[in-house]
Structures are given as C-alpha cells and as structure tokens.
Amino acid sequence: MSAPFRIRENCIELFVRLTPKSSVDRLEGVETSADGRSHFKARVRAMPENGAANQALEKLVAKALGVPGSAVSVVAGGTARLKTLRVVGEPVTLARSVEVFGA
C-alpha cells in the first residue's frame, strides 16, 4: 500500500478521490484502490461545473491543514474524480498534519 501523499522540496502532494454534489463538505479518511494506491476520500456540496468542486476541495483541504487557501491547488485530475493537490509549505509539518486528518 502506498501513502496517500508525496513529500516534495517545498510542498506535499495529496492524492484525493472527490465526490461532488454531496450533502456535506468533509474529508473521510484514506481508501486503498484495487491497484494498491491510497488516496484520501473527500466530499463537497459543490457541483462539478466550472471548477466549483475543485475550488471547494481546495478550501476544505486548506482549512483541515490550517494553511491559507492560496497554498492549495489542484495540479492534476482537474476533471477526474482522482486528483492530485499541491499544498505549499514546510513539507514535514504538512505531512504530520495530513497523517492526523487521514487517521
């Protein structure tokens, strides 16, 4: 099983499976897909139109990690359910925070 995030030089990258049009905005822990890769599960109320669901996801992750919204961005999977988010900041500190909300 792989980790649901990757540490980079000045950021971390999170792997997330997003479900839009949910009844609530929330992170639901870690899930492992059939191919053995792990990702965080997230739900947002926003519709998947004009990037609204991606923006809601960025805000949700920023709030969970206690970073500014501008520090979080979708860098891959903009129109897919499986996404990669980049969170800019001190990588070790961010990784610890991610492990807490992923537990």
PDB file of N, CA and C in Angstrom:
ATOM      1  N   MET A   1       0.844  -1.180   0.000  1.00  0.00           N
ATOM      2  CA  MET A   1       0.000   0.000   0.000  1.00  0.00           C
ATOM      3  C   MET A   1       0.885   1.237   0.000  1.00  0.00           C
ATOM      4  N   SER A   2       0.565   2.210  -0.842  1.00  0.00           N
ATOM      5  CA  SER A   2       1.325   3.448  -0.908  1.00  0.00           C
ATOM      6  C   SER A   2       0.682   4.506  -0.014  1.00  0.00           C
ATOM      7  N   ALA A   3       1.450   5.530   0.311  1.00  0.00           N
ATOM      8  CA  ALA A   3       0.925   6.636   1.119  1.00  0.00           C
ATOM      9  C   ALA A   3       0.010   7.500   0.252  1.00  0.00           C
ATOM     10  N   PRO A   4      -0.993   8.140   0.867  1.00  0.00           N
ATOM     11  CA  PRO A   4      -1.895   8.986   0.094  1.00  0.00           C
ATOM     12  C   PRO A   4      -1.326  10.389  -0.160  1.00  0.00           C
ATOM     13  N   PHE A   5      -0.030  10.550   0.067  1.00  0.00           N
ATOM     14  CA  PHE A   5       0.621  11.826  -0.218  1.00  0.00           C
ATOM     15  C   PHE A   5       2.082  11.583  -0.539  1.00  0.00           C
ATOM     16  N   ARG A   6       2.701  12.604  -1.137  1.00  0.00           N
ATOM     17  CA  ARG A   6       4.107  12.529  -1.503  1.00  0.00           C
ATOM     18  C   ARG A   6       4.763  13.827  -1.050  1.00  0.00           C
ATOM     19  N   ILE A   7       5.920  13.702  -0.402  1.00  0.00           N
ATOM     20  CA  ILE A   7       6.663  14.872   0.062  1.00  0.00           C
ATOM     21  C   ILE A   7       7.570  15.362  -1.056  1.00  0.00           C
ATOM     22  N   ARG A   8       7.505  16.665  -1.302  1.00  0.00           N
ATOM     23  CA  ARG A   8       8.357  17.331  -2.295  1.00  0.00           C
ATOM     24  C   ARG A   8       9.246  18.341  -1.573  1.00  0.00           C
ATOM     25  N   GLU A   9      10.050  19.084  -2.326  1.00  0.00           N
ATOM     26  CA  GLU A   9      11.018  20.010  -1.738  1.00  0.00           C
ATOM     27  C   GLU A   9      10.364  21.112  -0.897  1.00  0.00           C
ATOM     28  N   ASN A  10       9.354  21.769  -1.409  1.00  0.00           N
ATOM     29  CA  ASN A  10       8.730  22.868  -0.674  1.00  0.00           C
ATOM     30  C   ASN A  10       7.218  22.707  -0.559  1.00  0.00           C
ATOM     31  N   CYS A  11       6.758  21.455  -0.681  1.00  0.00           N
ATOM     32  CA  CYS A  11       5.322  21.203  -0.627  1.00  0.00           C
ATOM     33  C   CYS A  11       5.074  19.711  -0.406  1.00  0.00           C
ATOM     34  N   ILE A  12       3.805  19.376  -0.295  1.00  0.00           N
ATOM     35  CA  ILE A  12       3.398  17.973  -0.379  1.00  0.00           C
ATOM     36  C   ILE A  12       2.333  17.869  -1.450  1.00  0.00           C
ATOM     37  N   GLU A  13       2.201  16.696  -2.007  1.00  0.00           N
ATOM     38  CA  GLU A  13       1.144  16.423  -2.966  1.00  0.00           C
ATOM     39  C   GLU A  13       0.205  15.386  -2.361  1.00  0.00           C
ATOM     40  N   LEU A  14      -1.068  15.704  -2.341  1.00  0.00           N
ATOM     41  CA  LEU A  14      -2.084  14.804  -1.797  1.00  0.00           C
ATOM     42  C   LEU A  14      -2.828  14.137  -2.942  1.00  0.00           C
ATOM     43  N   PHE A  15      -3.146  12.884  -2.769  1.00  0.00           N
ATOM     44  CA  PHE A  15      -3.941  12.141  -3.741  1.00  0.00           C
ATOM     45  C   PHE A  15      -5.342  12.005  -3.157  1.00  0.00           C
ATOM     46  N   VAL A  16      -6.336  12.499  -3.880  1.00  0.00           N
ATOM     47  CA  VAL A  16      -7.698  12.613  -3.348  1.00  0.00           C
ATOM     48  C   VAL A  16      -8.710  12.073  -4.346  1.00  0.00           C
ATOM     49  N   ARG A  17      -9.686  11.350  -3.831  1.00  0.00           N
ATOM     50  CA  ARG A  17     -10.847  10.944  -4.647  1.00  0.00           C
ATOM     51  C   ARG A  17     -11.994  11.832  -4.207  1.00  0.00           C
ATOM     52  N   LEU A  18     -12.475  12.641  -5.119  1.00  0.00           N
ATOM     53  CA  LEU A  18     -13.503  13.632  -4.810  1.00  0.00           C
ATOM     54  C   LEU A  18     -14.880  13.186  -5.288  1.00  0.00           C
ATOM     55  N   THR A  19     -15.862  13.343  -4.398  1.00  0.00           N
ATOM     56  CA  THR A  19     -17.260  13.115  -4.741  1.00  0.00           C
ATOM     57  C   THR A  19     -17.989  14.453  -4.632  1.00  0.00           C
ATOM     58  N   PRO A  20     -18.352  15.041  -5.761  1.00  0.00           N
ATOM     59  CA  PRO A  20     -19.106  16.301  -5.724  1.00  0.00           C
ATOM     60  C   PRO A  20     -20.596  16.037  -5.493  1.00  0.00           C
ATOM     61  N   LYS A  21     -21.359  17.110  -5.366  1.00  0.00           N
ATOM     62  CA  LYS A  21     -22.818  17.050  -5.168  1.00  0.00           C
ATOM     63  C   LYS A  21     -23.196  16.238  -3.936  1.00  0.00           C
ATOM     64  N   SER A  22     -22.396  16.310  -2.889  1.00  0.00           N
ATOM     65  CA  SER A  22     -22.675  15.605  -1.654  1.00  0.00           C
ATOM     66  C   SER A  22     -23.571  16.478  -0.777  1.00  0.00           C
ATOM     67  N   SER A  23     -24.043  15.932   0.307  1.00  0.00           N
ATOM     68  CA  SER A  23     -24.869  16.708   1.234  1.00  0.00           C
ATOM     69  C   SER A  23     -24.025  17.489   2.231  1.00  0.00           C
ATOM     70  N   VAL A  24     -22.707  17.229   2.241  1.00  0.00           N
ATOM     71  CA  VAL A  24     -21.832  17.867   3.226  1.00  0.00           C
ATOM     72  C   VAL A  24     -20.412  17.968   2.662  1.00  0.00           C
ATOM     73  N   ASP A  25     -19.667  18.971   3.146  1.00  0.00           N
ATOM     74  CA  ASP A  25     -18.249  19.082   2.801  1.00  0.00           C
ATOM     75  C   ASP A  25     -17.451  18.389   3.898  1.00  0.00           C
ATOM     76  N   ARG A  26     -16.673  17.358   3.538  1.00  0.00           N
ATOM     77  CA  ARG A  26     -15.864  16.694   4.559  1.00  0.00           C
ATOM     78  C   ARG A  26     -14.810  15.782   3.946  1.00  0.00           C
ATOM     79  N   LEU A  27     -13.760  15.556   4.745  1.00  0.00           N
ATOM     80  CA  LEU A  27     -12.726  14.573   4.432  1.00  0.00           C
ATOM     81  C   LEU A  27     -13.086  13.311   5.194  1.00  0.00           C
ATOM     82  N   GLU A  28     -12.966  12.168   4.537  1.00  0.00           N
ATOM     83  CA  GLU A  28     -13.444  10.918   5.130  1.00  0.00           C
ATOM     84  C   GLU A  28     -12.359   9.882   5.344  1.00  0.00           C
ATOM     85  N   GLY A  29     -11.120  10.274   5.452  1.00  0.00           N
ATOM     86  CA  GLY A  29     -10.068   9.312   5.705  1.00  0.00           C
ATOM     87  C   GLY A  29      -9.434   8.780   4.439  1.00  0.00           C
ATOM     88  N   VAL A  30      -8.754   7.654   4.584  1.00  0.00           N
ATOM     89  CA  VAL A  30      -7.957   7.088   3.495  1.00  0.00           C
ATOM     90  C   VAL A  30      -8.618   5.825   2.971  1.00  0.00           C
ATOM     91  N   GLU A  31      -8.529   5.645   1.662  1.00  0.00           N
ATOM     92  CA  GLU A  31      -9.066   4.470   0.991  1.00  0.00           C
ATOM     93  C   GLU A  31      -7.978   3.909   0.078  1.00  0.00           C
ATOM     94  N   THR A  32      -7.949   2.598  -0.074  1.00  0.00           N
ATOM     95  CA  THR A  32      -6.993   1.967  -0.982  1.00  0.00           C
ATOM     96  C   THR A  32      -7.752   1.386  -2.162  1.00  0.00           C
ATOM     97  N   SER A  33      -7.318   1.740  -3.356  1.00  0.00           N
ATOM     98  CA  SER A  33      -7.980   1.241  -4.562  1.00  0.00           C
ATOM     99  C   SER A  33      -7.497  -0.172  -4.886  1.00  0.00           C
ATOM    100  N   ALA A  34      -8.114  -0.793  -5.853  1.00  0.00           N
ATOM    101  CA  ALA A  34      -7.786  -2.169  -6.236  1.00  0.00           C
ATOM    102  C   ALA A  34      -6.337  -2.324  -6.678  1.00  0.00           C
ATOM    103  N   ASP A  35      -5.746  -1.257  -7.228  1.00  0.00           N
ATOM    104  CA  ASP A  35      -4.359  -1.346  -7.682  1.00  0.00           C
ATOM    105  C   ASP A  35      -3.352  -1.094  -6.556  1.00  0.00           C
ATOM    106  N   GLY A  36      -3.831  -0.923  -5.324  1.00  0.00           N
ATOM    107  CA  GLY A  36      -2.950  -0.772  -4.171  1.00  0.00           C
ATOM    108  C   GLY A  36      -2.561   0.655  -3.839  1.00  0.00           C
ATOM    109  N   ARG A  37      -3.019   1.628  -4.624  1.00  0.00           N
ATOM    110  CA  ARG A  37      -2.694   3.024  -4.348  1.00  0.00           C
ATOM    111  C   ARG A  37      -3.694   3.604  -3.345  1.00  0.00           C
ATOM    112  N   SER A  38      -3.185   4.405  -2.441  1.00  0.00           N
ATOM    113  CA  SER A  38      -4.031   5.033  -1.424  1.00  0.00           C
ATOM    114  C   SER A  38      -4.358   6.459  -1.814  1.00  0.00           C
ATOM    115  N   HIS A  39      -5.525   6.908  -1.366  1.00  0.00           N
ATOM    116  CA  HIS A  39      -5.931   8.286  -1.585  1.00  0.00           C
ATOM    117  C   HIS A  39      -6.911   8.680  -0.477  1.00  0.00           C
ATOM    118  N   PHE A  40      -6.994   9.970  -0.236  1.00  0.00           N
ATOM    119  CA  PHE A  40      -7.977  10.488   0.701  1.00  0.00           C
ATOM    120  C   PHE A  40      -9.325  10.534   0.016  1.00  0.00           C
ATOM    121  N   LYS A  41     -10.382  10.330   0.789  1.00  0.00           N
ATOM    122  CA  LYS A  41     -11.735  10.462   0.267  1.00  0.00           C
ATOM    123  C   LYS A  41     -12.265  11.812   0.726  1.00  0.00           C
ATOM    124  N   ALA A  42     -12.861  12.545  -0.193  1.00  0.00           N
ATOM    125  CA  ALA A  42     -13.435  13.845   0.138  1.00  0.00           C
ATOM    126  C   ALA A  42     -14.784  13.995  -0.535  1.00  0.00           C
ATOM    127  N   ARG A  43     -15.654  14.722   0.130  1.00  0.00           N
ATOM    128  CA  ARG A  43     -16.978  15.040  -0.410  1.00  0.00           C
ATOM    129  C   ARG A  43     -17.180  16.543  -0.315  1.00  0.00           C
ATOM    130  N   VAL A  44     -17.753  17.109  -1.353  1.00  0.00           N
ATOM    131  CA  VAL A  44     -18.094  18.533  -1.333  1.00  0.00           C
ATOM    132  C   VAL A  44     -19.510  18.721  -1.875  1.00  0.00           C
ATOM    133  N   ARG A  45     -20.160  19.773  -1.429  1.00  0.00           N
ATOM    134  CA  ARG A  45     -21.525  20.063  -1.878  1.00  0.00           C
ATOM    135  C   ARG A  45     -21.551  20.668  -3.278  1.00  0.00           C
ATOM    136  N   ALA A  46     -20.464  21.262  -3.683  1.00  0.00           N
ATOM    137  CA  ALA A  46     -20.410  21.973  -4.968  1.00  0.00           C
ATOM    138  C   ALA A  46     -20.626  21.028  -6.143  1.00  0.00           C
ATOM    139  N   MET A  47     -21.176  21.603  -7.204  1.00  0.00           N
ATOM    140  CA  MET A  47     -21.378  20.873  -8.449  1.00  0.00           C
ATOM    141  C   MET A  47     -20.054  20.824  -9.217  1.00  0.00           C
ATOM    142  N   PRO A  48     -19.851  19.787 -10.013  1.00  0.00           N
ATOM    143  CA  PRO A  48     -18.616  19.699 -10.808  1.00  0.00           C
ATOM    144  C   PRO A  48     -18.710  20.514 -12.099  1.00  0.00           C
ATOM    145  N   GLU A  49     -18.979  21.799 -11.949  1.00  0.00           N
ATOM    146  CA  GLU A  49     -19.126  22.678 -13.102  1.00  0.00           C
ATOM    147  C   GLU A  49     -18.234  23.903 -12.929  1.00  0.00           C
ATOM    148  N   ASN A  50     -17.514  24.256 -13.978  1.00  0.00           N
ATOM    149  CA  ASN A  50     -16.657  25.456 -13.977  1.00  0.00           C
ATOM    150  C   ASN A  50     -15.651  25.475 -12.830  1.00  0.00           C
ATOM    151  N   GLY A  51     -15.206  24.309 -12.405  1.00  0.00           N
ATOM    152  CA  GLY A  51     -14.188  24.225 -11.362  1.00  0.00           C
ATOM    153  C   GLY A  51     -14.692  24.439  -9.951  1.00  0.00           C
ATOM    154  N   ALA A  52     -16.009  24.517  -9.761  1.00  0.00           N
ATOM    155  CA  ALA A  52     -16.565  24.798  -8.437  1.00  0.00           C
ATOM    156  C   ALA A  52     -16.222  23.691  -7.425  1.00  0.00           C
ATOM    157  N   ALA A  53     -16.299  22.441  -7.830  1.00  0.00           N
ATOM    158  CA  ALA A  53     -15.994  21.339  -6.912  1.00  0.00           C
ATOM    159  C   ALA A  53     -14.508  21.343  -6.552  1.00  0.00           C
ATOM    160  N   ASN A  54     -13.655  21.642  -7.517  1.00  0.00           N
ATOM    161  CA  ASN A  54     -12.215  21.716  -7.230  1.00  0.00           C
ATOM    162  C   ASN A  54     -11.913  22.847  -6.256  1.00  0.00           C
ATOM    163  N   GLN A  55     -12.545  23.997  -6.437  1.00  0.00           N
ATOM    164  CA  GLN A  55     -12.332  25.119  -5.526  1.00  0.00           C
ATOM    165  C   GLN A  55     -12.813  24.776  -4.121  1.00  0.00           C
ATOM    166  N   ALA A  56     -13.947  24.102  -4.024  1.00  0.00           N
ATOM    167  CA  ALA A  56     -14.455  23.690  -2.717  1.00  0.00           C
ATOM    168  C   ALA A  56     -13.488  22.708  -2.054  1.00  0.00           C
ATOM    169  N   LEU A  57     -12.922  21.799  -2.840  1.00  0.00           N
ATOM    170  CA  LEU A  57     -11.947  20.849  -2.311  1.00  0.00           C
ATOM    171  C   LEU A  57     -10.706  21.573  -1.802  1.00  0.00           C
ATOM    172  N   GLU A  58     -10.211  22.533  -2.565  1.00  0.00           N
ATOM    173  CA  GLU A  58      -9.034  23.301  -2.146  1.00  0.00           C
ATOM    174  C   GLU A  58      -9.292  24.004  -0.816  1.00  0.00           C
ATOM    175  N   LYS A  59     -10.455  24.602  -0.664  1.00  0.00           N
ATOM    176  CA  LYS A  59     -10.806  25.290   0.589  1.00  0.00           C
ATOM    177  C   LYS A  59     -10.917  24.304   1.743  1.00  0.00           C
ATOM    178  N   LEU A  60     -11.524  23.156   1.488  1.00  0.00           N
ATOM    179  CA  LEU A  60     -11.690  22.131   2.515  1.00  0.00           C
ATOM    180  C   LEU A  60     -10.341  21.634   3.024  1.00  0.00           C
ATOM    181  N   VAL A  61      -9.432  21.347   2.111  1.00  0.00           N
ATOM    182  CA  VAL A  61      -8.103  20.859   2.493  1.00  0.00           C
ATOM    183  C   VAL A  61      -7.316  21.952   3.217  1.00  0.00           C
ATOM    184  N   ALA A  62      -7.404  23.181   2.730  1.00  0.00           N
ATOM    185  CA  ALA A  62      -6.702  24.290   3.383  1.00  0.00           C
ATOM    186  C   ALA A  62      -7.163  24.444   4.821  1.00  0.00           C
ATOM    187  N   LYS A  63      -8.451  24.381   5.033  1.00  0.00           N
ATOM    188  CA  LYS A  63      -8.991  24.510   6.395  1.00  0.00           C
ATOM    189  C   LYS A  63      -8.523  23.354   7.276  1.00  0.00           C
ATOM    190  N   ALA A  64      -8.561  22.134   6.750  1.00  0.00           N
ATOM    191  CA  ALA A  64      -8.145  20.958   7.530  1.00  0.00           C
ATOM    192  C   ALA A  64      -6.680  21.024   7.927  1.00  0.00           C
ATOM    193  N   LEU A  65      -5.846  21.595   7.057  1.00  0.00           N
ATOM    194  CA  LEU A  65      -4.406  21.665   7.328  1.00  0.00           C
ATOM    195  C   LEU A  65      -3.995  22.967   8.005  1.00  0.00           C
ATOM    196  N   GLY A  66      -4.908  23.920   8.103  1.00  0.00           N
ATOM    197  CA  GLY A  66      -4.591  25.195   8.726  1.00  0.00           C
ATOM    198  C   GLY A  66      -3.642  26.051   7.911  1.00  0.00           C
ATOM    199  N   VAL A  67      -3.802  25.997   6.586  1.00  0.00           N
ATOM    200  CA  VAL A  67      -2.971  26.806   5.688  1.00  0.00           C
ATOM    201  C   VAL A  67      -3.877  27.749   4.910  1.00  0.00           C
ATOM    202  N   PRO A  68      -3.321  28.818   4.344  1.00  0.00           N
ATOM    203  CA  PRO A  68      -4.141  29.709   3.521  1.00  0.00           C
ATOM    204  C   PRO A  68      -4.685  28.984   2.289  1.00  0.00           C
ATOM    205  N   GLY A  69      -5.832  29.405   1.831  1.00  0.00           N
ATOM    206  CA  GLY A  69      -6.426  28.796   0.645  1.00  0.00           C
ATOM    207  C   GLY A  69      -5.528  28.871  -0.567  1.00  0.00           C
ATOM    208  N   SER A  70      -4.733  29.924  -0.639  1.00  0.00           N
ATOM    209  CA  SER A  70      -3.830  30.086  -1.785  1.00  0.00           C
ATOM    210  C   SER A  70      -2.695  29.071  -1.796  1.00  0.00           C
ATOM    211  N   ALA A  71      -2.484  28.346  -0.688  1.00  0.00           N
ATOM    212  CA  ALA A  71      -1.412  27.356  -0.605  1.00  0.00           C
ATOM    213  C   ALA A  71      -1.819  26.013  -1.203  1.00  0.00           C
ATOM    214  N   VAL A  72      -3.103  25.840  -1.514  1.00  0.00           N
ATOM    215  CA  VAL A  72      -3.617  24.558  -2.004  1.00  0.00           C
ATOM    216  C   VAL A  72      -4.119  24.729  -3.430  1.00  0.00           C
ATOM    217  N   SER A  73      -3.698  23.823  -4.313  1.00  0.00           N
ATOM    218  CA  SER A  73      -4.178  23.875  -5.697  1.00  0.00           C
ATOM    219  C   SER A  73      -4.243  22.477  -6.301  1.00  0.00           C
ATOM    220  N   VAL A  74      -5.236  22.285  -7.154  1.00  0.00           N
ATOM    221  CA  VAL A  74      -5.358  21.036  -7.910  1.00  0.00           C
ATOM    222  C   VAL A  74      -4.352  21.117  -9.047  1.00  0.00           C
ATOM    223  N   VAL A  75      -3.421  20.150  -9.095  1.00  0.00           N
ATOM    224  CA  VAL A  75      -2.382  20.171 -10.134  1.00  0.00           C
ATOM    225  C   VAL A  75      -2.547  19.048 -11.157  1.00  0.00           C
ATOM    226  N   ALA A  76      -3.406  18.081 -10.877  1.00  0.00           N
ATOM    227  CA  ALA A  76      -3.679  17.000 -11.830  1.00  0.00           C
ATOM    228  C   ALA A  76      -5.070  16.452 -11.561  1.00  0.00           C
ATOM    229  N   GLY A  77      -5.742  16.030 -12.612  1.00  0.00           N
ATOM    230  CA  GLY A  77      -7.064  15.434 -12.474  1.00  0.00           C
ATOM    231  C   GLY A  77      -8.176  16.445 -12.348  1.00  0.00           C
ATOM    232  N   GLY A  78      -8.014  17.592 -12.953  1.00  0.00           N
ATOM    233  CA  GLY A  78      -8.998  18.662 -12.841  1.00  0.00           C
ATOM    234  C   GLY A  78     -10.418  18.258 -13.179  1.00  0.00           C
ATOM    235  N   THR A  79     -10.590  17.342 -14.110  1.00  0.00           N
ATOM    236  CA  THR A  79     -11.934  16.908 -14.499  1.00  0.00           C
ATOM    237  C   THR A  79     -12.202  15.448 -14.115  1.00  0.00           C
ATOM    238  N   ALA A  80     -11.320  14.851 -13.357  1.00  0.00           N
ATOM    239  CA  ALA A  80     -11.464  13.450 -12.947  1.00  0.00           C
ATOM    240  C   ALA A  80     -11.810  13.369 -11.459  1.00  0.00           C
ATOM    241  N   ARG A  81     -12.253  12.219 -11.031  1.00  0.00           N
ATOM    242  CA  ARG A  81     -12.525  12.016  -9.602  1.00  0.00           C
ATOM    243  C   ARG A  81     -11.230  11.934  -8.793  1.00  0.00           C
ATOM    244  N   LEU A  82     -10.218  11.276  -9.364  1.00  0.00           N
ATOM    245  CA  LEU A  82      -8.937  11.166  -8.669  1.00  0.00           C
ATOM    246  C   LEU A  82      -8.085  12.377  -9.016  1.00  0.00           C
ATOM    247  N   LYS A  83      -7.667  13.101  -7.998  1.00  0.00           N
ATOM    248  CA  LYS A  83      -6.961  14.362  -8.181  1.00  0.00           C
ATOM    249  C   LYS A  83      -5.656  14.368  -7.397  1.00  0.00           C
ATOM    250  N   THR A  84      -4.748  15.206  -7.838  1.00  0.00           N
ATOM    251  CA  THR A  84      -3.528  15.482  -7.088  1.00  0.00           C
ATOM    252  C   THR A  84      -3.570  16.945  -6.699  1.00  0.00           C
ATOM    253  N   LEU A  85      -3.426  17.202  -5.394  1.00  0.00           N
ATOM    254  CA  LEU A  85      -3.398  18.566  -4.891  1.00  0.00           C
ATOM    255  C   LEU A  85      -2.005  18.881  -4.391  1.00  0.00           C
ATOM    256  N   ARG A  86      -1.525  20.080  -4.668  1.00  0.00           N
ATOM    257  CA  ARG A  86      -0.251  20.549  -4.141  1.00  0.00           C
ATOM    258  C   ARG A  86      -0.556  21.494  -2.987  1.00  0.00           C
ATOM    259  N   VAL A  87       0.118  21.237  -1.846  1.00  0.00           N
ATOM    260  CA  VAL A  87      -0.011  22.107  -0.683  1.00  0.00           C
ATOM    261  C   VAL A  87       1.372  22.674  -0.413  1.00  0.00           C
ATOM    262  N   VAL A  88       1.512  23.982  -0.609  1.00  0.00           N
ATOM    263  CA  VAL A  88       2.803  24.649  -0.444  1.00  0.00           C
ATOM    264  C   VAL A  88       3.020  24.969   1.026  1.00  0.00           C
ATOM    265  N   GLY A  89       4.223  24.667   1.493  1.00  0.00           N
ATOM    266  CA  GLY A  89       4.585  24.923   2.875  1.00  0.00           C
ATOM    267  C   GLY A  89       5.728  24.019   3.286  1.00  0.00           C
ATOM    268  N   GLU A  90       5.998  23.993   4.583  1.00  0.00           N
ATOM    269  CA  GLU A  90       7.076  23.167   5.118  1.00  0.00           C
ATOM    270  C   GLU A  90       6.626  21.703   5.050  1.00  0.00           C
ATOM    271  N   PRO A  91       7.267  20.876   4.228  1.00  0.00           N
ATOM    272  CA  PRO A  91       6.772  19.526   3.938  1.00  0.00           C
ATOM    273  C   PRO A  91       6.612  18.602   5.146  1.00  0.00           C
ATOM    274  N   VAL A  92       7.548  18.611   6.067  1.00  0.00           N
ATOM    275  CA  VAL A  92       7.464  17.689   7.206  1.00  0.00           C
ATOM    276  C   VAL A  92       6.281  18.052   8.100  1.00  0.00           C
ATOM    277  N   THR A  93       6.105  19.337   8.354  1.00  0.00           N
ATOM    278  CA  THR A  93       4.980  19.795   9.167  1.00  0.00           C
ATOM    279  C   THR A  93       3.651  19.458   8.485  1.00  0.00           C
ATOM    280  N   LEU A  94       3.569  19.705   7.191  1.00  0.00           N
ATOM    281  CA  LEU A  94       2.353  19.386   6.442  1.00  0.00           C
ATOM    282  C   LEU A  94       2.074  17.887   6.458  1.00  0.00           C
ATOM    283  N   ALA A  95       3.113  17.081   6.302  1.00  0.00           N
ATOM    284  CA  ALA A  95       2.928  15.625   6.308  1.00  0.00           C
ATOM    285  C   ALA A  95       2.369  15.150   7.640  1.00  0.00           C
ATOM    286  N   ARG A  96       2.846  15.734   8.740  1.00  0.00           N
ATOM    287  CA  ARG A  96       2.303  15.370  10.063  1.00  0.00           C
ATOM    288  C   ARG A  96       0.827  15.730  10.155  1.00  0.00           C
ATOM    289  N   SER A  97       0.473  16.914   9.668  1.00  0.00           N
ATOM    290  CA  SER A  97      -0.927  17.344   9.695  1.00  0.00           C
ATOM    291  C   SER A  97      -1.796  16.433   8.843  1.00  0.00           C
ATOM    292  N   VAL A  98      -1.298  16.041   7.698  1.00  0.00           N
ATOM    293  CA  VAL A  98      -2.038  15.148   6.810  1.00  0.00           C
ATOM    294  C   VAL A  98      -2.261  13.800   7.476  1.00  0.00           C
ATOM    295  N   GLU A  99      -1.265  13.285   8.152  1.00  0.00           N
ATOM    296  CA  GLU A  99      -1.406  11.996   8.823  1.00  0.00           C
ATOM    297  C   GLU A  99      -2.479  12.051   9.896  1.00  0.00           C
ATOM    298  N   VAL A 100      -2.613  13.198  10.561  1.00  0.00           N
ATOM    299  CA  VAL A 100      -3.633  13.352  11.596  1.00  0.00           C
ATOM    300  C   VAL A 100      -5.033  13.323  10.985  1.00  0.00           C
ATOM    301  N   PHE A 101      -5.277  14.105   9.920  1.00  0.00           N
ATOM    302  CA  PHE A 101      -6.638  14.103   9.376  1.00  0.00           C
ATOM    303  C   PHE A 101      -6.921  12.872   8.538  1.00  0.00           C
ATOM    304  N   GLY A 102      -5.899  12.126   8.171  1.00  0.00           N
ATOM    305  CA  GLY A 102      -6.114  10.898   7.420  1.00  0.00           C
ATOM    306  C   GLY A 102      -6.342   9.687   8.295  1.00  0.00           C
ATOM    307  N   ALA A 103      -6.136   9.855   9.588  1.00  0.00           N
ATOM    308  CA  ALA A 103      -6.267   8.714  10.512  1.00  0.00           C
ATOM    309  C   ALA A 103      -7.699   8.304  10.726  1.00  0.00           C
TER     310      ALA A 103
END
